């Protein structure tokens, strides 16, 4: 059974392994993080923890029974009751409903723990899996977006009326 956990310092080794293992898989649908992300991972992780402590972002990892990270669900740029949702699931765990369940749980946390009323998200047009997750979890299309030269869509979820 997987569990969504608020990111902690001790998640760093498993999170780095997750990002390395899935780098090419993720790069097929979202912009690659680049070599610097991996080279400076410890510094980046510490910076994320500081942002989270300040309430600017809420980072979550989806952890499997063996302690391995199989996904991430992040709420970033928290301001005025709103945040942007981002998520990624390991290739070996994809297609099992984990993203949908994790996004639903994050939406619940957004309201109950973080006091948010709205979430935003973006995805490329060709990322049909992500678009399906967003639709299943109450997000609606709110416009077009360019994501590093790739056409995409903006989504919004009003957490005050969400019923999924």
N, C-alpha and C. Protein backbone atom coordinates (compact mmCIF):
# COMPACT_ATOMS: atom_id res chain seq x y z
N UNK A 1 0.84 -1.18 0.00
CA UNK A 1 0.00 0.00 0.00
C UNK A 1 0.88 1.25 0.00
N UNK A 2 0.53 2.20 -0.81
CA UNK A 2 1.29 3.45 -0.87
C UNK A 2 0.69 4.47 0.08
N UNK A 3 1.55 5.38 0.54
CA UNK A 3 1.10 6.44 1.45
C UNK A 3 1.66 7.78 0.94
N UNK A 4 0.80 8.79 0.96
CA UNK A 4 1.23 10.14 0.62
C UNK A 4 1.77 10.78 1.89
N UNK A 5 3.03 11.24 1.83
CA UNK A 5 3.67 11.83 3.00
C UNK A 5 4.21 13.20 2.64
N UNK A 6 4.11 14.12 3.59
CA UNK A 6 4.73 15.42 3.43
C UNK A 6 6.24 15.20 3.36
N UNK A 7 6.88 15.85 2.42
CA UNK A 7 8.31 15.68 2.19
C UNK A 7 9.11 16.02 3.46
N UNK A 8 10.08 15.16 3.75
CA UNK A 8 10.98 15.34 4.89
C UNK A 8 12.43 15.26 4.39
N UNK A 9 13.34 15.70 5.23
CA UNK A 9 14.77 15.62 4.88
C UNK A 9 15.19 14.17 4.61
N UNK A 10 14.68 13.23 5.39
CA UNK A 10 15.12 11.84 5.25
C UNK A 10 14.55 11.15 4.00
N UNK A 11 13.67 11.80 3.27
CA UNK A 11 13.19 11.26 2.00
C UNK A 11 14.21 11.45 0.86
N UNK A 12 15.22 12.28 1.08
CA UNK A 12 16.15 12.67 0.00
C UNK A 12 16.74 11.49 -0.78
N UNK A 13 17.31 10.47 -0.14
CA UNK A 13 17.91 9.39 -0.93
C UNK A 13 16.89 8.66 -1.82
N UNK A 14 15.72 8.36 -1.28
CA UNK A 14 14.70 7.66 -2.07
C UNK A 14 14.14 8.56 -3.17
N UNK A 15 14.03 9.85 -2.89
CA UNK A 15 13.53 10.80 -3.89
C UNK A 15 14.53 10.94 -5.04
N UNK A 16 15.80 11.03 -4.72
CA UNK A 16 16.83 11.12 -5.75
C UNK A 16 16.83 9.85 -6.61
N UNK A 17 16.72 8.69 -5.99
CA UNK A 17 16.66 7.43 -6.74
C UNK A 17 15.45 7.42 -7.67
N UNK A 18 14.31 7.87 -7.20
CA UNK A 18 13.09 7.97 -8.01
C UNK A 18 13.30 8.86 -9.22
N UNK A 19 13.88 10.03 -9.00
CA UNK A 19 14.10 10.99 -10.11
C UNK A 19 15.10 10.43 -11.12
N UNK A 20 16.15 9.80 -10.66
CA UNK A 20 17.14 9.23 -11.57
C UNK A 20 16.55 8.08 -12.38
N UNK A 21 15.86 7.18 -11.70
CA UNK A 21 15.28 6.00 -12.34
C UNK A 21 14.26 6.37 -13.41
N UNK A 22 13.56 7.46 -13.22
CA UNK A 22 12.46 7.83 -14.12
C UNK A 22 12.75 9.04 -15.01
N UNK A 23 14.00 9.48 -15.03
CA UNK A 23 14.34 10.69 -15.76
C UNK A 23 13.89 10.65 -17.22
N UNK A 24 14.25 9.64 -17.94
CA UNK A 24 13.89 9.61 -19.37
C UNK A 24 12.38 9.41 -19.55
N UNK A 25 11.76 8.67 -18.67
CA UNK A 25 10.31 8.48 -18.73
C UNK A 25 9.59 9.82 -18.55
N UNK A 26 10.01 10.60 -17.56
CA UNK A 26 9.38 11.90 -17.33
C UNK A 26 9.67 12.86 -18.47
N UNK A 27 10.88 12.83 -19.00
CA UNK A 27 11.27 13.76 -20.07
C UNK A 27 10.44 13.57 -21.33
N UNK A 28 9.79 12.44 -21.47
CA UNK A 28 8.94 12.22 -22.64
C UNK A 28 7.67 13.07 -22.58
N UNK A 29 7.28 13.52 -21.36
CA UNK A 29 6.03 14.27 -21.26
C UNK A 29 6.17 15.63 -20.58
N UNK A 30 7.26 15.87 -19.88
CA UNK A 30 7.51 17.17 -19.25
C UNK A 30 8.96 17.56 -19.49
N UNK A 31 9.27 18.86 -19.42
CA UNK A 31 10.66 19.26 -19.64
C UNK A 31 11.61 18.58 -18.66
N UNK A 32 12.75 18.15 -19.17
CA UNK A 32 13.76 17.47 -18.35
C UNK A 32 14.30 18.43 -17.30
N UNK A 33 14.62 17.91 -16.14
CA UNK A 33 15.14 18.73 -15.04
C UNK A 33 16.58 19.18 -15.30
N UNK A 34 17.29 18.50 -16.16
CA UNK A 34 18.67 18.87 -16.47
C UNK A 34 19.67 18.27 -15.51
N UNK A 35 20.91 18.19 -15.95
CA UNK A 35 21.98 17.57 -15.16
C UNK A 35 22.23 18.31 -13.85
N UNK A 36 22.08 19.63 -13.85
CA UNK A 36 22.34 20.42 -12.64
C UNK A 36 21.41 20.00 -11.50
N UNK A 37 20.17 19.64 -11.81
CA UNK A 37 19.22 19.20 -10.79
C UNK A 37 19.81 18.02 -10.01
N UNK A 38 20.39 17.08 -10.71
CA UNK A 38 20.94 15.88 -10.07
C UNK A 38 22.26 16.17 -9.37
N UNK A 39 23.09 17.01 -9.97
CA UNK A 39 24.39 17.35 -9.38
C UNK A 39 24.23 18.14 -8.08
N UNK A 40 23.21 18.97 -8.01
CA UNK A 40 23.00 19.81 -6.83
C UNK A 40 21.76 19.37 -6.04
N UNK A 41 21.46 18.09 -6.08
CA UNK A 41 20.22 17.59 -5.48
C UNK A 41 20.12 17.92 -3.99
N UNK A 42 21.17 17.71 -3.23
CA UNK A 42 21.11 17.95 -1.79
C UNK A 42 20.79 19.42 -1.48
N UNK A 43 21.41 20.32 -2.20
CA UNK A 43 21.14 21.75 -1.99
C UNK A 43 19.70 22.08 -2.39
N UNK A 44 19.26 21.51 -3.48
CA UNK A 44 17.89 21.74 -3.96
C UNK A 44 16.89 21.19 -2.94
N UNK A 45 17.16 20.01 -2.40
CA UNK A 45 16.26 19.40 -1.42
C UNK A 45 16.17 20.30 -0.17
N UNK A 46 17.29 20.81 0.29
CA UNK A 46 17.31 21.70 1.45
C UNK A 46 16.51 22.98 1.16
N UNK A 47 16.64 23.50 -0.04
CA UNK A 47 15.89 24.70 -0.42
C UNK A 47 14.39 24.43 -0.45
N UNK A 48 14.00 23.25 -0.95
CA UNK A 48 12.58 22.89 -0.95
C UNK A 48 12.04 22.78 0.46
N UNK A 49 12.82 22.19 1.35
CA UNK A 49 12.40 22.06 2.73
C UNK A 49 12.22 23.44 3.38
N UNK A 50 13.08 24.39 3.04
CA UNK A 50 12.96 25.75 3.57
C UNK A 50 11.70 26.42 3.03
N UNK A 51 11.40 26.24 1.75
CA UNK A 51 10.17 26.79 1.17
C UNK A 51 8.94 26.20 1.85
N UNK A 52 9.00 24.91 2.11
CA UNK A 52 7.88 24.24 2.77
C UNK A 52 7.72 24.76 4.20
N UNK A 53 8.81 24.93 4.93
CA UNK A 53 8.75 25.44 6.30
C UNK A 53 8.17 26.85 6.34
N UNK A 54 8.39 27.61 5.28
CA UNK A 54 7.87 28.97 5.19
C UNK A 54 6.41 29.00 4.72
N UNK A 55 5.86 27.84 4.35
CA UNK A 55 4.47 27.78 3.89
C UNK A 55 4.26 28.23 2.45
N UNK A 56 5.37 28.33 1.70
CA UNK A 56 5.27 28.76 0.30
C UNK A 56 4.89 27.61 -0.62
N UNK A 57 5.18 26.39 -0.21
CA UNK A 57 4.93 25.19 -1.00
C UNK A 57 4.69 24.02 -0.05
N UNK A 58 4.03 23.00 -0.56
CA UNK A 58 3.85 21.76 0.19
C UNK A 58 4.20 20.62 -0.74
N UNK A 59 5.30 19.95 -0.43
CA UNK A 59 5.82 18.87 -1.26
C UNK A 59 5.45 17.54 -0.62
N UNK A 60 5.00 16.61 -1.45
CA UNK A 60 4.61 15.28 -0.95
C UNK A 60 5.27 14.21 -1.78
N UNK A 61 5.55 13.09 -1.14
CA UNK A 61 6.03 11.91 -1.85
C UNK A 61 5.04 10.78 -1.61
N UNK A 62 4.88 9.96 -2.62
CA UNK A 62 4.06 8.77 -2.54
C UNK A 62 5.03 7.62 -2.28
N UNK A 63 4.92 7.02 -1.09
CA UNK A 63 5.90 6.05 -0.63
C UNK A 63 5.29 4.65 -0.61
N UNK A 64 6.02 3.69 -1.20
CA UNK A 64 5.59 2.31 -1.21
C UNK A 64 5.94 1.60 0.08
N UNK A 65 5.51 0.35 0.20
CA UNK A 65 5.73 -0.44 1.41
C UNK A 65 7.20 -0.58 1.79
N UNK A 66 8.07 -0.63 0.79
CA UNK A 66 9.50 -0.79 1.06
C UNK A 66 10.23 0.51 1.31
N UNK A 67 9.50 1.62 1.40
CA UNK A 67 10.12 2.92 1.62
C UNK A 67 10.55 3.62 0.35
N UNK A 68 10.32 2.99 -0.81
CA UNK A 68 10.70 3.59 -2.08
C UNK A 68 9.68 4.65 -2.48
N UNK A 69 10.16 5.71 -3.12
CA UNK A 69 9.28 6.76 -3.64
C UNK A 69 8.77 6.31 -4.99
N UNK A 70 7.46 6.30 -5.15
CA UNK A 70 6.85 5.91 -6.43
C UNK A 70 6.10 7.08 -7.06
N UNK A 71 6.11 8.23 -6.40
CA UNK A 71 5.45 9.39 -6.97
C UNK A 71 5.68 10.63 -6.13
N UNK A 72 5.30 11.75 -6.74
CA UNK A 72 5.37 13.05 -6.09
C UNK A 72 4.08 13.79 -6.37
N UNK A 73 3.63 14.56 -5.41
CA UNK A 73 2.50 15.47 -5.61
C UNK A 73 2.86 16.75 -4.87
N UNK A 74 3.01 17.82 -5.61
CA UNK A 74 3.46 19.08 -5.03
C UNK A 74 2.43 20.17 -5.21
N UNK A 75 2.32 21.01 -4.19
CA UNK A 75 1.51 22.22 -4.25
C UNK A 75 2.49 23.37 -4.11
N UNK A 76 2.68 24.12 -5.19
CA UNK A 76 3.70 25.16 -5.20
C UNK A 76 3.06 26.54 -5.39
N UNK A 77 3.86 27.55 -5.13
CA UNK A 77 3.42 28.94 -5.28
C UNK A 77 2.12 29.20 -4.52
N UNK A 78 2.12 28.79 -3.26
CA UNK A 78 0.95 28.98 -2.40
C UNK A 78 0.80 30.47 -2.09
N UNK A 79 -0.36 31.03 -2.42
CA UNK A 79 -0.65 32.44 -2.14
C UNK A 79 -2.15 32.67 -2.29
N UNK A 80 -2.68 33.48 -1.43
CA UNK A 80 -4.08 33.93 -1.51
C UNK A 80 -5.06 32.77 -1.67
N UNK A 81 -4.83 31.67 -0.95
CA UNK A 81 -5.74 30.54 -0.98
C UNK A 81 -5.66 29.66 -2.20
N UNK A 82 -4.60 29.81 -2.97
CA UNK A 82 -4.44 29.08 -4.22
C UNK A 82 -3.03 28.51 -4.32
N UNK A 83 -2.88 27.47 -5.13
CA UNK A 83 -1.56 26.89 -5.38
C UNK A 83 -1.59 26.16 -6.71
N UNK A 84 -0.41 25.89 -7.25
CA UNK A 84 -0.30 25.09 -8.47
C UNK A 84 0.04 23.66 -8.09
N UNK A 85 -0.69 22.74 -8.68
CA UNK A 85 -0.49 21.31 -8.47
C UNK A 85 0.45 20.76 -9.52
N UNK A 86 1.38 19.93 -9.10
CA UNK A 86 2.24 19.19 -10.01
C UNK A 86 2.40 17.79 -9.47
N UNK A 87 2.50 16.80 -10.34
CA UNK A 87 2.65 15.43 -9.86
C UNK A 87 3.35 14.60 -10.92
N UNK A 88 3.95 13.51 -10.47
CA UNK A 88 4.59 12.55 -11.35
C UNK A 88 4.61 11.19 -10.66
N UNK A 89 4.39 10.16 -11.42
CA UNK A 89 4.34 8.79 -10.92
C UNK A 89 5.41 7.98 -11.65
N UNK A 90 6.10 7.11 -10.93
CA UNK A 90 7.13 6.27 -11.53
C UNK A 90 6.57 5.44 -12.67
N UNK A 91 7.39 5.20 -13.67
CA UNK A 91 6.96 4.41 -14.82
C UNK A 91 6.42 3.05 -14.40
N UNK A 92 7.11 2.40 -13.47
CA UNK A 92 6.69 1.05 -13.06
C UNK A 92 5.39 1.05 -12.27
N UNK A 93 4.95 2.22 -11.78
CA UNK A 93 3.72 2.32 -11.00
C UNK A 93 2.58 2.97 -11.78
N UNK A 94 2.86 3.40 -13.01
CA UNK A 94 1.85 4.10 -13.81
C UNK A 94 0.72 3.16 -14.23
N UNK A 95 -0.45 3.74 -14.45
CA UNK A 95 -1.59 2.98 -14.96
C UNK A 95 -2.34 2.19 -13.93
N UNK A 96 -2.07 2.44 -12.65
CA UNK A 96 -2.75 1.69 -11.58
C UNK A 96 -3.66 2.57 -10.73
N UNK A 97 -3.88 3.79 -11.17
CA UNK A 97 -4.75 4.69 -10.42
C UNK A 97 -4.06 5.44 -9.29
N UNK A 98 -2.74 5.30 -9.17
CA UNK A 98 -2.03 5.97 -8.08
C UNK A 98 -2.06 7.49 -8.21
N UNK A 99 -1.91 7.99 -9.41
CA UNK A 99 -1.93 9.45 -9.61
C UNK A 99 -3.29 10.02 -9.22
N UNK A 100 -4.36 9.38 -9.67
CA UNK A 100 -5.69 9.86 -9.33
C UNK A 100 -5.91 9.85 -7.82
N UNK A 101 -5.56 8.77 -7.17
CA UNK A 101 -5.74 8.67 -5.72
C UNK A 101 -4.88 9.70 -4.99
N UNK A 102 -3.64 9.87 -5.42
CA UNK A 102 -2.74 10.82 -4.76
C UNK A 102 -3.20 12.26 -4.97
N UNK A 103 -3.66 12.59 -6.17
CA UNK A 103 -4.16 13.95 -6.42
C UNK A 103 -5.42 14.20 -5.59
N UNK A 104 -6.30 13.23 -5.50
CA UNK A 104 -7.49 13.39 -4.65
C UNK A 104 -7.10 13.65 -3.20
N UNK A 105 -6.13 12.88 -2.72
CA UNK A 105 -5.68 13.06 -1.34
C UNK A 105 -5.05 14.44 -1.15
N UNK A 106 -4.26 14.87 -2.12
CA UNK A 106 -3.63 16.19 -2.04
C UNK A 106 -4.69 17.29 -2.05
N UNK A 107 -5.75 17.11 -2.82
CA UNK A 107 -6.84 18.09 -2.83
C UNK A 107 -7.49 18.18 -1.45
N UNK A 108 -7.67 17.05 -0.81
CA UNK A 108 -8.22 17.03 0.54
C UNK A 108 -7.30 17.74 1.53
N UNK A 109 -6.00 17.47 1.43
CA UNK A 109 -5.03 18.14 2.29
C UNK A 109 -5.00 19.65 2.03
N UNK A 110 -5.14 20.01 0.76
CA UNK A 110 -5.11 21.42 0.39
C UNK A 110 -6.18 22.20 1.16
N UNK A 111 -7.35 21.60 1.31
CA UNK A 111 -8.44 22.25 2.04
C UNK A 111 -8.25 22.12 3.55
N UNK A 112 -8.12 20.88 4.02
CA UNK A 112 -8.14 20.60 5.46
C UNK A 112 -6.88 21.06 6.20
N UNK A 113 -5.72 20.92 5.57
CA UNK A 113 -4.46 21.22 6.25
C UNK A 113 -3.84 22.56 5.86
N UNK A 114 -4.03 22.96 4.60
CA UNK A 114 -3.33 24.13 4.10
C UNK A 114 -4.24 25.33 3.84
N UNK A 115 -5.55 25.15 4.03
CA UNK A 115 -6.48 26.27 3.90
C UNK A 115 -6.63 26.82 2.49
N UNK A 116 -6.44 25.98 1.50
CA UNK A 116 -6.54 26.44 0.11
C UNK A 116 -7.96 26.27 -0.42
N UNK A 117 -8.33 27.13 -1.35
CA UNK A 117 -9.66 27.09 -1.97
C UNK A 117 -9.60 26.74 -3.44
N UNK A 118 -8.40 26.82 -4.04
CA UNK A 118 -8.28 26.60 -5.48
C UNK A 118 -6.91 26.01 -5.80
N UNK A 119 -6.91 25.09 -6.76
CA UNK A 119 -5.65 24.57 -7.30
C UNK A 119 -5.64 24.79 -8.80
N UNK A 120 -4.45 25.03 -9.32
CA UNK A 120 -4.24 25.18 -10.76
C UNK A 120 -3.28 24.09 -11.21
N UNK A 121 -3.32 23.75 -12.48
CA UNK A 121 -2.39 22.76 -13.04
C UNK A 121 -2.23 23.05 -14.52
N UNK A 122 -1.15 22.54 -15.10
CA UNK A 122 -0.93 22.61 -16.54
C UNK A 122 -0.41 21.27 -17.02
N UNK A 123 -0.69 20.96 -18.26
CA UNK A 123 -0.13 19.75 -18.87
C UNK A 123 -0.11 19.94 -20.39
N UNK A 124 0.74 19.18 -21.04
CA UNK A 124 0.80 19.24 -22.49
C UNK A 124 -0.42 18.53 -23.08
N UNK A 125 -0.77 18.91 -24.30
CA UNK A 125 -1.91 18.29 -24.97
C UNK A 125 -1.72 16.80 -25.17
N UNK A 126 -0.49 16.39 -25.41
CA UNK A 126 -0.25 14.97 -25.70
C UNK A 126 -0.12 14.10 -24.44
N UNK A 127 -0.22 14.69 -23.26
CA UNK A 127 -0.14 13.92 -22.03
C UNK A 127 -1.57 13.52 -21.62
N UNK A 128 -2.10 12.54 -22.33
CA UNK A 128 -3.49 12.14 -22.11
C UNK A 128 -3.71 11.56 -20.71
N UNK A 129 -2.72 10.88 -20.16
CA UNK A 129 -2.84 10.34 -18.81
C UNK A 129 -3.03 11.44 -17.78
N UNK A 130 -2.22 12.47 -17.88
CA UNK A 130 -2.33 13.58 -16.93
C UNK A 130 -3.66 14.32 -17.11
N UNK A 131 -4.05 14.53 -18.34
CA UNK A 131 -5.34 15.19 -18.58
C UNK A 131 -6.48 14.38 -17.98
N UNK A 132 -6.41 13.05 -18.07
CA UNK A 132 -7.46 12.20 -17.50
C UNK A 132 -7.46 12.29 -15.97
N UNK A 133 -6.29 12.30 -15.35
CA UNK A 133 -6.21 12.43 -13.89
C UNK A 133 -6.85 13.74 -13.45
N UNK A 134 -6.52 14.82 -14.13
CA UNK A 134 -7.07 16.12 -13.76
C UNK A 134 -8.59 16.13 -13.92
N UNK A 135 -9.10 15.56 -15.00
CA UNK A 135 -10.55 15.52 -15.21
C UNK A 135 -11.23 14.69 -14.13
N UNK A 136 -10.64 13.55 -13.77
CA UNK A 136 -11.24 12.68 -12.75
C UNK A 136 -11.23 13.30 -11.36
N UNK A 137 -10.36 14.27 -11.13
CA UNK A 137 -10.23 14.84 -9.79
C UNK A 137 -10.82 16.25 -9.68
N UNK A 138 -11.66 16.62 -10.63
CA UNK A 138 -12.41 17.87 -10.51
C UNK A 138 -11.81 19.09 -11.17
N UNK A 139 -10.74 18.93 -11.91
CA UNK A 139 -10.14 20.07 -12.62
C UNK A 139 -10.86 20.29 -13.94
N UNK A 140 -11.00 21.55 -14.31
CA UNK A 140 -11.61 21.89 -15.60
C UNK A 140 -10.63 22.76 -16.39
N UNK A 141 -10.70 22.66 -17.70
CA UNK A 141 -9.83 23.44 -18.58
C UNK A 141 -10.16 24.92 -18.42
N UNK A 142 -9.10 25.72 -18.27
CA UNK A 142 -9.30 27.17 -18.13
C UNK A 142 -8.55 27.98 -19.18
N UNK A 143 -7.85 27.30 -20.09
CA UNK A 143 -7.15 28.03 -21.14
C UNK A 143 -6.02 27.24 -21.75
N UNK A 144 -5.37 27.86 -22.71
CA UNK A 144 -4.23 27.26 -23.40
C UNK A 144 -2.94 27.77 -22.78
N UNK A 145 -1.87 27.00 -22.96
CA UNK A 145 -0.57 27.40 -22.45
C UNK A 145 0.51 26.80 -23.36
N UNK A 146 1.64 27.47 -23.42
CA UNK A 146 2.81 26.95 -24.12
C UNK A 146 3.79 26.45 -23.07
N UNK A 147 4.15 25.17 -23.15
CA UNK A 147 5.07 24.57 -22.18
C UNK A 147 6.37 24.21 -22.89
N UNK A 148 7.31 25.12 -22.83
CA UNK A 148 8.61 24.93 -23.48
C UNK A 148 8.45 24.58 -24.96
N UNK A 149 7.58 25.32 -25.63
CA UNK A 149 7.37 25.11 -27.06
C UNK A 149 6.35 24.04 -27.40
N UNK A 150 5.76 23.43 -26.40
CA UNK A 150 4.76 22.39 -26.63
C UNK A 150 3.39 22.92 -26.24
N UNK A 151 2.37 22.69 -27.06
CA UNK A 151 1.03 23.17 -26.70
C UNK A 151 0.48 22.42 -25.49
N UNK A 152 -0.20 23.16 -24.64
CA UNK A 152 -0.77 22.56 -23.45
C UNK A 152 -2.04 23.24 -23.02
N UNK A 153 -2.54 22.79 -21.89
CA UNK A 153 -3.77 23.34 -21.33
C UNK A 153 -3.56 23.73 -19.87
N UNK A 154 -4.24 24.79 -19.48
CA UNK A 154 -4.32 25.18 -18.08
C UNK A 154 -5.59 24.58 -17.50
N UNK A 155 -5.53 24.20 -16.23
CA UNK A 155 -6.68 23.66 -15.53
C UNK A 155 -6.85 24.38 -14.20
N UNK A 156 -8.06 24.35 -13.69
CA UNK A 156 -8.34 24.92 -12.37
C UNK A 156 -9.32 24.01 -11.65
N UNK A 157 -9.20 23.94 -10.33
CA UNK A 157 -10.11 23.16 -9.51
C UNK A 157 -10.57 24.04 -8.35
N UNK A 158 -11.85 24.32 -8.29
CA UNK A 158 -12.43 25.06 -7.19
C UNK A 158 -12.68 24.06 -6.06
N UNK A 159 -11.85 24.09 -5.04
CA UNK A 159 -11.93 23.12 -3.96
C UNK A 159 -13.15 23.33 -3.08
N UNK A 160 -13.80 24.48 -3.21
CA UNK A 160 -15.01 24.77 -2.43
C UNK A 160 -16.21 23.97 -2.95
N UNK A 161 -16.18 23.60 -4.23
CA UNK A 161 -17.32 22.89 -4.83
C UNK A 161 -16.94 21.49 -5.28
N UNK A 162 -15.70 21.13 -5.10
CA UNK A 162 -15.24 19.81 -5.56
C UNK A 162 -15.99 18.70 -4.84
N UNK A 163 -16.44 17.70 -5.62
CA UNK A 163 -17.20 16.60 -5.04
C UNK A 163 -16.60 15.24 -5.38
N UNK A 164 -15.45 15.21 -6.02
CA UNK A 164 -14.84 13.92 -6.39
C UNK A 164 -13.98 13.38 -5.28
